[in-house]
Amino acid sequence: MPSRKERGKNTPQTPRRTGGAPGVSQDGNDGGYNAGIAVFSYIVGGIIVWSLIGWGLDNLWGTRWIVLAGGLLGAAGGFYLSHMHGLTSSRNTAGEDGAAGGPSKDAEQ
């Protein structure tokens, strides 16, 4: 019976592919649901983190408005990260006639 080391030598290893934006597959597909979840988590995560930072500064300095500014900054930062990772692009992969293109062609018949 071969040992674990000997069994691992004969098994072909496929290289791991890393990189790219989270939620977008490597084969060029949008990822749809996964990309939407990634955008949502960037924006909500930014709001939570920067609101907590603003809350801490509010308590430290005795103000009440920095938490709101932190939340807005977090939302803008989350959208910026989503855009820079290519998750907010408006690609139409289903064909020329998308839902945003107007009424369907069936209504004209």
PDB file of N, CA and C in Angstrom:
ATOM      1  N   MET A   1       0.857  -1.171   0.000  1.00  0.00           N
ATOM      2  CA  MET A   1       0.000   0.000   0.000  1.00  0.00           C
ATOM      3  C   MET A   1       0.904   1.235   0.000  1.00  0.00           C
ATOM      4  N   PRO A   2       0.685   2.153  -0.951  1.00  0.00           N
ATOM      5  CA  PRO A   2       1.545   3.349  -1.006  1.00  0.00           C
ATOM      6  C   PRO A   2       1.213   4.327   0.115  1.00  0.00           C
ATOM      7  N   SER A   3       2.222   5.047   0.553  1.00  0.00           N
ATOM      8  CA  SER A   3       2.016   6.046   1.603  1.00  0.00           C
ATOM      9  C   SER A   3       1.361   7.294   1.017  1.00  0.00           C
ATOM     10  N   ARG A   4       1.016   8.228   1.867  1.00  0.00           N
ATOM     11  CA  ARG A   4       0.359   9.461   1.404  1.00  0.00           C
ATOM     12  C   ARG A   4       1.267  10.256   0.479  1.00  0.00           C
ATOM     13  N   LYS A   5       2.534  10.308   0.785  1.00  0.00           N
ATOM     14  CA  LYS A   5       3.470  11.068  -0.051  1.00  0.00           C
ATOM     15  C   LYS A   5       3.579  10.470  -1.441  1.00  0.00           C
ATOM     16  N   GLU A   6       3.600   9.142  -1.530  1.00  0.00           N
ATOM     17  CA  GLU A   6       3.711   8.488  -2.833  1.00  0.00           C
ATOM     18  C   GLU A   6       2.433   8.650  -3.646  1.00  0.00           C
ATOM     19  N   ARG A   7       1.274   8.638  -3.002  1.00  0.00           N
ATOM     20  CA  ARG A   7       0.013   8.826  -3.718  1.00  0.00           C
ATOM     21  C   ARG A   7      -0.103  10.236  -4.285  1.00  0.00           C
ATOM     22  N   GLY A   8       0.391  11.224  -3.574  1.00  0.00           N
ATOM     23  CA  GLY A   8       0.314  12.605  -4.026  1.00  0.00           C
ATOM     24  C   GLY A   8       1.206  12.902  -5.207  1.00  0.00           C
ATOM     25  N   LYS A   9       2.264  12.114  -5.402  1.00  0.00           N
ATOM     26  CA  LYS A   9       3.193  12.364  -6.496  1.00  0.00           C
ATOM     27  C   LYS A   9       2.596  12.030  -7.848  1.00  0.00           C
ATOM     28  N   ASN A  10       1.754  11.022  -7.926  1.00  0.00           N
ATOM     29  CA  ASN A  10       1.197  10.568  -9.198  1.00  0.00           C
ATOM     30  C   ASN A  10      -0.069  11.308  -9.599  1.00  0.00           C
ATOM     31  N   THR A  11      -0.657  12.062  -8.707  1.00  0.00           N
ATOM     32  CA  THR A  11      -1.904  12.762  -8.983  1.00  0.00           C
ATOM     33  C   THR A  11      -1.604  14.078  -9.691  1.00  0.00           C
ATOM     34  N   PRO A  12      -2.193  14.299 -10.882  1.00  0.00           N
ATOM     35  CA  PRO A  12      -1.952  15.585 -11.551  1.00  0.00           C
ATOM     36  C   PRO A  12      -2.626  16.723 -10.792  1.00  0.00           C
ATOM     37  N   GLN A  13      -1.926  17.790 -10.613  1.00  0.00           N
ATOM     38  CA  GLN A  13      -2.432  18.950  -9.891  1.00  0.00           C
ATOM     39  C   GLN A  13      -2.857  20.027 -10.886  1.00  0.00           C
ATOM     40  N   THR A  14      -4.037  20.567 -10.701  1.00  0.00           N
ATOM     41  CA  THR A  14      -4.475  21.676 -11.537  1.00  0.00           C
ATOM     42  C   THR A  14      -4.115  22.964 -10.814  1.00  0.00           C
ATOM     43  N   PRO A  15      -3.590  23.937 -11.525  1.00  0.00           N
ATOM     44  CA  PRO A  15      -3.223  25.192 -10.862  1.00  0.00           C
ATOM     45  C   PRO A  15      -4.450  25.952 -10.397  1.00  0.00           C
ATOM     46  N   ARG A  16      -4.318  26.580  -9.262  1.00  0.00           N
ATOM     47  CA  ARG A  16      -5.412  27.385  -8.741  1.00  0.00           C
ATOM     48  C   ARG A  16      -5.396  28.741  -9.406  1.00  0.00           C
ATOM     49  N   ARG A  17      -6.577  29.204  -9.754  1.00  0.00           N
ATOM     50  CA  ARG A  17      -6.704  30.521 -10.367  1.00  0.00           C
ATOM     51  C   ARG A  17      -7.219  31.486  -9.317  1.00  0.00           C
ATOM     52  N   THR A  18      -6.499  32.533  -9.116  1.00  0.00           N
ATOM     53  CA  THR A  18      -6.913  33.542  -8.157  1.00  0.00           C
ATOM     54  C   THR A  18      -6.969  34.887  -8.842  1.00  0.00           C
ATOM     55  N   GLY A  19      -7.477  35.856  -8.151  1.00  0.00           N
ATOM     56  CA  GLY A  19      -7.547  37.207  -8.696  1.00  0.00           C
ATOM     57  C   GLY A  19      -8.929  37.501  -9.235  1.00  0.00           C
ATOM     58  N   GLY A  20      -9.078  38.684  -9.734  1.00  0.00           N
ATOM     59  CA  GLY A  20     -10.369  39.102 -10.247  1.00  0.00           C
ATOM     60  C   GLY A  20     -11.239  39.647  -9.141  1.00  0.00           C
ATOM     61  N   ALA A  21     -12.353  40.154  -9.522  1.00  0.00           N
ATOM     62  CA  ALA A  21     -13.281  40.735  -8.562  1.00  0.00           C
ATOM     63  C   ALA A  21     -14.091  39.646  -7.886  1.00  0.00           C
ATOM     64  N   PRO A  22     -14.410  39.824  -6.616  1.00  0.00           N
ATOM     65  CA  PRO A  22     -15.265  38.841  -5.961  1.00  0.00           C
ATOM     66  C   PRO A  22     -16.662  38.863  -6.560  1.00  0.00           C
ATOM     67  N   GLY A  23     -17.213  37.697  -6.806  1.00  0.00           N
ATOM     68  CA  GLY A  23     -18.548  37.611  -7.357  1.00  0.00           C
ATOM     69  C   GLY A  23     -18.598  37.539  -8.869  1.00  0.00           C
ATOM     70  N   VAL A  24     -17.466  37.685  -9.541  1.00  0.00           N
ATOM     71  CA  VAL A  24     -17.428  37.609 -10.992  1.00  0.00           C
ATOM     72  C   VAL A  24     -16.598  36.400 -11.375  1.00  0.00           C
ATOM     73  N   SER A  25     -17.155  35.520 -12.189  1.00  0.00           N
ATOM     74  CA  SER A  25     -16.456  34.305 -12.547  1.00  0.00           C
ATOM     75  C   SER A  25     -15.314  34.593 -13.514  1.00  0.00           C
ATOM     76  N   GLN A  26     -14.363  33.677 -13.570  1.00  0.00           N
ATOM     77  CA  GLN A  26     -13.176  33.866 -14.399  1.00  0.00           C
ATOM     78  C   GLN A  26     -13.461  33.669 -15.887  1.00  0.00           C
ATOM     79  N   ASP A  27     -14.563  32.993 -16.238  1.00  0.00           N
ATOM     80  CA  ASP A  27     -14.834  32.720 -17.639  1.00  0.00           C
ATOM     81  C   ASP A  27     -15.578  33.853 -18.342  1.00  0.00           C
ATOM     82  N   GLY A  28     -15.683  35.006 -17.703  1.00  0.00           N
ATOM     83  CA  GLY A  28     -16.270  36.165 -18.359  1.00  0.00           C
ATOM     84  C   GLY A  28     -17.742  36.386 -18.079  1.00  0.00           C
ATOM     85  N   ASN A  29     -18.398  35.443 -17.401  1.00  0.00           N
ATOM     86  CA  ASN A  29     -19.803  35.652 -17.064  1.00  0.00           C
ATOM     87  C   ASN A  29     -19.916  36.685 -15.960  1.00  0.00           C
ATOM     88  N   ASP A  30     -21.031  37.357 -15.903  1.00  0.00           N
ATOM     89  CA  ASP A  30     -21.220  38.400 -14.903  1.00  0.00           C
ATOM     90  C   ASP A  30     -21.265  37.865 -13.486  1.00  0.00           C
ATOM     91  N   GLY A  31     -21.794  36.727 -13.285  1.00  0.00           N
ATOM     92  CA  GLY A  31     -21.950  36.216 -11.935  1.00  0.00           C
ATOM     93  C   GLY A  31     -23.308  36.548 -11.368  1.00  0.00           C
ATOM     94  N   GLY A  32     -24.023  37.515 -11.929  1.00  0.00           N
ATOM     95  CA  GLY A  32     -25.387  37.841 -11.540  1.00  0.00           C
ATOM     96  C   GLY A  32     -25.606  37.981 -10.054  1.00  0.00           C
ATOM     97  N   TYR A  33     -26.119  36.942  -9.457  1.00  0.00           N
ATOM     98  CA  TYR A  33     -26.461  36.943  -8.039  1.00  0.00           C
ATOM     99  C   TYR A  33     -25.230  37.195  -7.176  1.00  0.00           C
ATOM    100  N   ASN A  34     -24.123  36.535  -7.482  1.00  0.00           N
ATOM    101  CA  ASN A  34     -22.906  36.692  -6.683  1.00  0.00           C
ATOM    102  C   ASN A  34     -22.378  38.123  -6.758  1.00  0.00           C
ATOM    103  N   ALA A  35     -22.427  38.727  -7.921  1.00  0.00           N
ATOM    104  CA  ALA A  35     -21.966  40.107  -8.053  1.00  0.00           C
ATOM    105  C   ALA A  35     -22.877  41.047  -7.274  1.00  0.00           C
ATOM    106  N   GLY A  36     -24.171  40.770  -7.277  1.00  0.00           N
ATOM    107  CA  GLY A  36     -25.100  41.594  -6.508  1.00  0.00           C
ATOM    108  C   GLY A  36     -24.857  41.496  -5.012  1.00  0.00           C
ATOM    109  N   ILE A  37     -24.571  40.294  -4.548  1.00  0.00           N
ATOM    110  CA  ILE A  37     -24.264  40.106  -3.135  1.00  0.00           C
ATOM    111  C   ILE A  37     -22.962  40.812  -2.780  1.00  0.00           C
ATOM    112  N   ALA A  38     -21.979  40.787  -3.677  1.00  0.00           N
ATOM    113  CA  ALA A  38     -20.710  41.466  -3.416  1.00  0.00           C
ATOM    114  C   ALA A  38     -20.917  42.977  -3.330  1.00  0.00           C
ATOM    115  N   VAL A  39     -21.713  43.544  -4.237  1.00  0.00           N
ATOM    116  CA  VAL A  39     -22.003  44.983  -4.196  1.00  0.00           C
ATOM    117  C   VAL A  39     -22.732  45.329  -2.895  1.00  0.00           C
ATOM    118  N   PHE A  40     -23.720  44.536  -2.551  1.00  0.00           N
ATOM    119  CA  PHE A  40     -24.482  44.762  -1.322  1.00  0.00           C
ATOM    120  C   PHE A  40     -23.577  44.724  -0.094  1.00  0.00           C
ATOM    121  N   SER A  41     -22.688  43.738  -0.042  1.00  0.00           N
ATOM    122  CA  SER A  41     -21.829  43.619   1.136  1.00  0.00           C
ATOM    123  C   SER A  41     -20.805  44.742   1.206  1.00  0.00           C
ATOM    124  N   TYR A  42     -20.296  45.220   0.067  1.00  0.00           N
ATOM    125  CA  TYR A  42     -19.386  46.367   0.078  1.00  0.00           C
ATOM    126  C   TYR A  42     -20.087  47.607   0.634  1.00  0.00           C
ATOM    127  N   ILE A  43     -21.292  47.863   0.157  1.00  0.00           N
ATOM    128  CA  ILE A  43     -21.998  49.077   0.567  1.00  0.00           C
ATOM    129  C   ILE A  43     -22.437  48.982   2.030  1.00  0.00           C
ATOM    130  N   VAL A  44     -23.036  47.872   2.427  1.00  0.00           N
ATOM    131  CA  VAL A  44     -23.479  47.728   3.810  1.00  0.00           C
ATOM    132  C   VAL A  44     -22.285  47.681   4.763  1.00  0.00           C
ATOM    133  N   GLY A  45     -21.230  46.990   4.362  1.00  0.00           N
ATOM    134  CA  GLY A  45     -20.032  46.947   5.193  1.00  0.00           C
ATOM    135  C   GLY A  45     -19.412  48.315   5.376  1.00  0.00           C
ATOM    136  N   GLY A  46     -19.379  49.106   4.302  1.00  0.00           N
ATOM    137  CA  GLY A  46     -18.853  50.462   4.402  1.00  0.00           C
ATOM    138  C   GLY A  46     -19.690  51.332   5.319  1.00  0.00           C
ATOM    139  N   ILE A  47     -20.999  51.203   5.210  1.00  0.00           N
ATOM    140  CA  ILE A  47     -21.887  51.989   6.083  1.00  0.00           C
ATOM    141  C   ILE A  47     -21.660  51.613   7.546  1.00  0.00           C
ATOM    142  N   ILE A  48     -21.582  50.320   7.827  1.00  0.00           N
ATOM    143  CA  ILE A  48     -21.405  49.881   9.216  1.00  0.00           C
ATOM    144  C   ILE A  48     -20.067  50.348   9.777  1.00  0.00           C
ATOM    145  N   VAL A  49     -18.985  50.125   9.040  1.00  0.00           N
ATOM    146  CA  VAL A  49     -17.653  50.474   9.548  1.00  0.00           C
ATOM    147  C   VAL A  49     -17.522  51.975   9.757  1.00  0.00           C
ATOM    148  N   TRP A  50     -17.897  52.756   8.751  1.00  0.00           N
ATOM    149  CA  TRP A  50     -17.704  54.208   8.878  1.00  0.00           C
ATOM    150  C   TRP A  50     -18.715  54.848   9.827  1.00  0.00           C
ATOM    151  N   SER A  51     -19.878  54.242   9.998  1.00  0.00           N
ATOM    152  CA  SER A  51     -20.814  54.741  11.019  1.00  0.00           C
ATOM    153  C   SER A  51     -20.267  54.485  12.419  1.00  0.00           C
ATOM    154  N   LEU A  52     -19.651  53.333  12.618  1.00  0.00           N
ATOM    155  CA  LEU A  52     -19.038  53.060  13.913  1.00  0.00           C
ATOM    156  C   LEU A  52     -17.878  54.008  14.208  1.00  0.00           C
ATOM    157  N   ILE A  53     -17.101  54.307  13.177  1.00  0.00           N
ATOM    158  CA  ILE A  53     -16.017  55.284  13.353  1.00  0.00           C
ATOM    159  C   ILE A  53     -16.607  56.654  13.692  1.00  0.00           C
ATOM    160  N   GLY A  54     -17.653  57.052  12.987  1.00  0.00           N
ATOM    161  CA  GLY A  54     -18.318  58.325  13.269  1.00  0.00           C
ATOM    162  C   GLY A  54     -18.941  58.361  14.646  1.00  0.00           C
ATOM    163  N   TRP A  55     -19.525  57.235  15.081  1.00  0.00           N
ATOM    164  CA  TRP A  55     -20.107  57.156  16.406  1.00  0.00           C
ATOM    165  C   TRP A  55     -19.035  57.339  17.486  1.00  0.00           C
ATOM    166  N   GLY A  56     -17.884  56.702  17.267  1.00  0.00           N
ATOM    167  CA  GLY A  56     -16.791  56.856  18.212  1.00  0.00           C
ATOM    168  C   GLY A  56     -16.280  58.286  18.275  1.00  0.00           C
ATOM    169  N   LEU A  57     -16.168  58.925  17.126  1.00  0.00           N
ATOM    170  CA  LEU A  57     -15.731  60.332  17.106  1.00  0.00           C
ATOM    171  C   LEU A  57     -16.784  61.243  17.729  1.00  0.00           C
ATOM    172  N   ASP A  58     -18.057  60.927  17.495  1.00  0.00           N
ATOM    173  CA  ASP A  58     -19.126  61.703  18.134  1.00  0.00           C
ATOM    174  C   ASP A  58     -19.032  61.626  19.661  1.00  0.00           C
ATOM    175  N   ASN A  59     -18.810  60.435  20.167  1.00  0.00           N
ATOM    176  CA  ASN A  59     -18.678  60.282  21.620  1.00  0.00           C
ATOM    177  C   ASN A  59     -17.423  60.976  22.143  1.00  0.00           C
ATOM    178  N   LEU A  60     -16.363  60.938  21.373  1.00  0.00           N
ATOM    179  CA  LEU A  60     -15.109  61.548  21.798  1.00  0.00           C
ATOM    180  C   LEU A  60     -15.197  63.069  21.813  1.00  0.00           C
ATOM    181  N   TRP A  61     -15.818  63.630  20.782  1.00  0.00           N
ATOM    182  CA  TRP A  61     -15.850  65.089  20.627  1.00  0.00           C
ATOM    183  C   TRP A  61     -17.155  65.727  21.096  1.00  0.00           C
ATOM    184  N   GLY A  62     -18.141  64.924  21.466  1.00  0.00           N
ATOM    185  CA  GLY A  62     -19.400  65.461  21.958  1.00  0.00           C
ATOM    186  C   GLY A  62     -20.295  66.032  20.869  1.00  0.00           C
ATOM    187  N   THR A  63     -20.207  65.526  19.665  1.00  0.00           N
ATOM    188  CA  THR A  63     -21.058  65.980  18.559  1.00  0.00           C
ATOM    189  C   THR A  63     -22.114  64.918  18.270  1.00  0.00           C
ATOM    190  N   ARG A  64     -23.005  65.202  17.302  1.00  0.00           N
ATOM    191  CA  ARG A  64     -24.038  64.236  16.939  1.00  0.00           C
ATOM    192  C   ARG A  64     -24.145  64.012  15.439  1.00  0.00           C
ATOM    193  N   TRP A  65     -23.348  64.668  14.614  1.00  0.00           N
ATOM    194  CA  TRP A  65     -23.534  64.608  13.174  1.00  0.00           C
ATOM    195  C   TRP A  65     -22.481  63.762  12.459  1.00  0.00           C
ATOM    196  N   ILE A  66     -21.399  63.407  13.106  1.00  0.00           N
ATOM    197  CA  ILE A  66     -20.322  62.690  12.414  1.00  0.00           C
ATOM    198  C   ILE A  66     -20.739  61.265  12.059  1.00  0.00           C
ATOM    199  N   VAL A  67     -21.621  60.658  12.845  1.00  0.00           N
ATOM    200  CA  VAL A  67     -22.096  59.318  12.525  1.00  0.00           C
ATOM    201  C   VAL A  67     -22.837  59.309  11.189  1.00  0.00           C
ATOM    202  N   LEU A  68     -23.614  60.357  10.921  1.00  0.00           N
ATOM    203  CA  LEU A  68     -24.316  60.453   9.639  1.00  0.00           C
ATOM    204  C   LEU A  68     -23.329  60.643   8.496  1.00  0.00           C
ATOM    205  N   ALA A  69     -22.353  61.521   8.689  1.00  0.00           N
ATOM    206  CA  ALA A  69     -21.328  61.728   7.663  1.00  0.00           C
ATOM    207  C   ALA A  69     -20.546  60.441   7.423  1.00  0.00           C
ATOM    208  N   GLY A  70     -20.279  59.676   8.480  1.00  0.00           N
ATOM    209  CA  GLY A  70     -19.579  58.401   8.332  1.00  0.00           C
ATOM    210  C   GLY A  70     -20.397  57.394   7.535  1.00  0.00           C
ATOM    211  N   GLY A  71     -21.698  57.345   7.785  1.00  0.00           N
ATOM    212  CA  GLY A  71     -22.558  56.436   7.028  1.00  0.00           C
ATOM    213  C   GLY A  71     -22.603  56.782   5.553  1.00  0.00           C
ATOM    214  N   LEU A  72     -22.706  58.069   5.246  1.00  0.00           N
ATOM    215  CA  LEU A  72     -22.714  58.497   3.839  1.00  0.00           C
ATOM    216  C   LEU A  72     -21.368  58.225   3.176  1.00  0.00           C
ATOM    217  N   LEU A  73     -20.293  58.485   3.896  1.00  0.00           N
ATOM    218  CA  LEU A  73     -18.961  58.198   3.364  1.00  0.00           C
ATOM    219  C   LEU A  73     -18.785  56.696   3.125  1.00  0.00           C
ATOM    220  N   GLY A  74     -19.293  55.867   4.034  1.00  0.00           N
ATOM    221  CA  GLY A  74     -19.207  54.421   3.869  1.00  0.00           C
ATOM    222  C   GLY A  74     -19.994  53.921   2.672  1.00  0.00           C
ATOM    223  N   ALA A  75     -21.181  54.476   2.446  1.00  0.00           N
ATOM    224  CA  ALA A  75     -21.981  54.077   1.287  1.00  0.00           C
ATOM    225  C   ALA A  75     -21.290  54.471  -0.008  1.00  0.00           C
ATOM    226  N   ALA A  76     -20.759  55.687  -0.042  1.00  0.00           N
ATOM    227  CA  ALA A  76     -20.057  56.136  -1.244  1.00  0.00           C
ATOM    228  C   ALA A  76     -18.794  55.313  -1.475  1.00  0.00           C
ATOM    229  N   GLY A  77     -18.079  55.011  -0.402  1.00  0.00           N
ATOM    230  CA  GLY A  77     -16.872  54.197  -0.530  1.00  0.00           C
ATOM    231  C   GLY A  77     -17.175  52.779  -0.980  1.00  0.00           C
ATOM    232  N   GLY A  78     -18.261  52.198  -0.481  1.00  0.00           N
ATOM    233  CA  GLY A  78     -18.651  50.854  -0.901  1.00  0.00           C
ATOM    234  C   GLY A  78     -19.039  50.804  -2.364  1.00  0.00           C
ATOM    235  N   PHE A  79     -19.764  51.816  -2.823  1.00  0.00           N
ATOM    236  CA  PHE A  79     -20.113  51.857  -4.240  1.00  0.00           C
ATOM    237  C   PHE A  79     -18.870  52.061  -5.094  1.00  0.00           C
ATOM    238  N   TYR A  80     -17.949  52.898  -4.632  1.00  0.00           N
ATOM    239  CA  TYR A  80     -16.703  53.131  -5.359  1.00  0.00           C
ATOM    240  C   TYR A  80     -15.903  51.830  -5.486  1.00  0.00           C
ATOM    241  N   LEU A  81     -15.787  51.069  -4.396  1.00  0.00           N
ATOM    242  CA  LEU A  81     -15.074  49.794  -4.459  1.00  0.00           C
ATOM    243  C   LEU A  81     -15.766  48.818  -5.409  1.00  0.00           C
ATOM    244  N   SER A  82     -17.084  48.776  -5.378  1.00  0.00           N
ATOM    245  CA  SER A  82     -17.823  47.902  -6.281  1.00  0.00           C
ATOM    246  C   SER A  82     -17.582  48.286  -7.730  1.00  0.00           C
ATOM    247  N   HIS A  83     -17.569  49.574  -7.987  1.00  0.00           N
ATOM    248  CA  HIS A  83     -17.346  50.050  -9.352  1.00  0.00           C
ATOM    249  C   HIS A  83     -15.918  49.754  -9.813  1.00  0.00           C
ATOM    250  N   MET A  84     -14.954  49.946  -8.927  1.00  0.00           N
ATOM    251  CA  MET A  84     -13.565  49.699  -9.302  1.00  0.00           C
ATOM    252  C   MET A  84     -13.276  48.211  -9.500  1.00  0.00           C
ATOM    253  N   HIS A  85     -14.034  47.335  -8.858  1.00  0.00           N
ATOM    254  CA  HIS A  85     -13.882  45.903  -9.069  1.00  0.00           C
ATOM    255  C   HIS A  85     -14.690  45.406 -10.261  1.00  0.00           C
ATOM    256  N   GLY A  86     -15.380  46.299 -10.933  1.00  0.00           N
ATOM    257  CA  GLY A  86     -16.127  45.932 -12.136  1.00  0.00           C
ATOM    258  C   GLY A  86     -17.432  45.240 -11.865  1.00  0.00           C
ATOM    259  N   LEU A  87     -18.012  45.443 -10.689  1.00  0.00           N
ATOM    260  CA  LEU A  87     -19.261  44.766 -10.350  1.00  0.00           C
ATOM    261  C   LEU A  87     -20.496  45.568 -10.709  1.00  0.00           C
ATOM    262  N   THR A  88     -20.332  46.831 -11.071  1.00  0.00           N
ATOM    263  CA  THR A  88     -21.493  47.676 -11.359  1.00  0.00           C
ATOM    264  C   THR A  88     -21.604  48.025 -12.834  1.00  0.00           C
ATOM    265  N   SER A  89     -20.898  47.306 -13.690  1.00  0.00           N
ATOM    266  CA  SER A  89     -20.974  47.611 -15.113  1.00  0.00           C
ATOM    267  C   SER A  89     -22.328  47.188 -15.656  1.00  0.00           C
ATOM    268  N   SER A  90     -22.768  47.854 -16.692  1.00  0.00           N
ATOM    269  CA  SER A  90     -24.076  47.554 -17.266  1.00  0.00           C
ATOM    270  C   SER A  90     -23.886  46.782 -18.565  1.00  0.00           C
ATOM    271  N   ARG A  91     -23.548  45.506 -18.427  1.00  0.00           N
ATOM    272  CA  ARG A  91     -23.394  44.637 -19.589  1.00  0.00           C
ATOM    273  C   ARG A  91     -24.694  43.910 -19.859  1.00  0.00           C
ATOM    274  N   ASN A  92     -25.052  43.763 -21.115  1.00  0.00           N
ATOM    275  CA  ASN A  92     -26.259  43.053 -21.501  1.00  0.00           C
ATOM    276  C   ASN A  92     -25.839  41.756 -22.165  1.00  0.00           C
ATOM    277  N   THR A  93     -25.794  40.663 -21.403  1.00  0.00           N
ATOM    278  CA  THR A  93     -25.324  39.396 -21.945  1.00  0.00           C
ATOM    279  C   THR A  93     -26.446  38.546 -22.524  1.00  0.00           C
ATOM    280  N   ALA A  94     -27.701  38.926 -22.318  1.00  0.00           N
ATOM    281  CA  ALA A  94     -28.819  38.111 -22.778  1.00  0.00           C
ATOM    282  C   ALA A  94     -29.204  38.410 -24.224  1.00  0.00           C
ATOM    283  N   GLY A  95     -28.586  39.368 -24.848  1.00  0.00           N
ATOM    284  CA  GLY A  95     -28.925  39.707 -26.220  1.00  0.00           C
ATOM    285  C   GLY A  95     -29.135  41.192 -26.355  1.00  0.00           C
ATOM    286  N   GLU A  96     -29.598  41.589 -27.510  1.00  0.00           N
ATOM    287  CA  GLU A  96     -29.777  43.002 -27.795  1.00  0.00           C
ATOM    288  C   GLU A  96     -30.982  43.614 -27.093  1.00  0.00           C
ATOM    289  N   ASP A  97     -32.044  42.836 -26.902  1.00  0.00           N
ATOM    290  CA  ASP A  97     -33.285  43.368 -26.350  1.00  0.00           C
ATOM    291  C   ASP A  97     -33.371  43.080 -24.858  1.00  0.00           C
ATOM    292  N   GLY A  98     -32.923  44.026 -24.035  1.00  0.00           N
ATOM    293  CA  GLY A  98     -32.997  43.865 -22.593  1.00  0.00           C
ATOM    294  C   GLY A  98     -34.266  44.481 -22.053  1.00  0.00           C
ATOM    295  N   ALA A  99     -34.527  44.273 -20.802  1.00  0.00           N
ATOM    296  CA  ALA A  99     -35.733  44.816 -20.174  1.00  0.00           C
ATOM    297  C   ALA A  99     -35.690  46.330 -20.118  1.00  0.00           C
ATOM    298  N   ALA A 100     -34.483  46.900 -20.033  1.00  0.00           N
ATOM    299  CA  ALA A 100     -34.356  48.346 -19.967  1.00  0.00           C
ATOM    300  C   ALA A 100     -34.484  48.988 -21.346  1.00  0.00           C
ATOM    301  N   GLY A 101     -34.572  48.193 -22.378  1.00  0.00           N
ATOM    302  CA  GLY A 101     -34.616  48.721 -23.727  1.00  0.00           C
ATOM    303  C   GLY A 101     -35.996  49.161 -24.181  1.00  0.00           C
ATOM    304  N   GLY A 102     -37.005  48.986 -23.375  1.00  0.00           N
ATOM    305  CA  GLY A 102     -38.339  49.395 -23.760  1.00  0.00           C
ATOM    306  C   GLY A 102     -39.295  48.216 -23.778  1.00  0.00           C
ATOM    307  N   PRO A 103     -40.470  48.413 -24.400  1.00  0.00           N
ATOM    308  CA  PRO A 103     -41.461  47.328 -24.424  1.00  0.00           C
ATOM    309  C   PRO A 103     -40.982  46.170 -25.288  1.00  0.00           C
ATOM    310  N   SER A 104     -41.533  45.006 -25.028  1.00  0.00           N
ATOM    311  CA  SER A 104     -41.127  43.820 -25.777  1.00  0.00           C
ATOM    312  C   SER A 104     -41.633  43.902 -27.199  1.00  0.00           C
ATOM    313  N   LYS A 105     -41.033  43.096 -28.061  1.00  0.00           N
ATOM    314  CA  LYS A 105     -41.415  43.059 -29.476  1.00  0.00           C
ATOM    315  C   LYS A 105     -42.762  42.386 -29.681  1.00  0.00           C
ATOM    316  N   ASP A 106     -43.239  41.621 -28.698  1.00  0.00           N
ATOM    317  CA  ASP A 106     -44.520  40.935 -28.834  1.00  0.00           C
ATOM    318  C   ASP A 106     -45.695  41.901 -28.878  1.00  0.00           C
ATOM    319  N   ALA A 107     -45.570  43.054 -28.249  1.00  0.00           N
ATOM    320  CA  ALA A 107     -46.667  44.016 -28.180  1.00  0.00           C
ATOM    321  C   ALA A 107     -46.957  44.648 -29.543  1.00  0.00           C
ATOM    322  N   GLU A 108     -45.988  44.608 -30.452  1.00  0.00           N
ATOM    323  CA  GLU A 108     -46.176  45.234 -31.763  1.00  0.00           C
ATOM    324  C   GLU A 108     -46.938  44.352 -32.732  1.00  0.00           C
ATOM    325  N   GLN A 109     -47.119  43.094 -32.473  1.00  0.00           N
ATOM    326  CA  GLN A 109     -47.746  42.189 -33.444  1.00  0.00           C
ATOM    327  C   GLN A 109     -49.217  42.299 -33.482  1.00  0.00           C
TER     328      GLN A 109
END
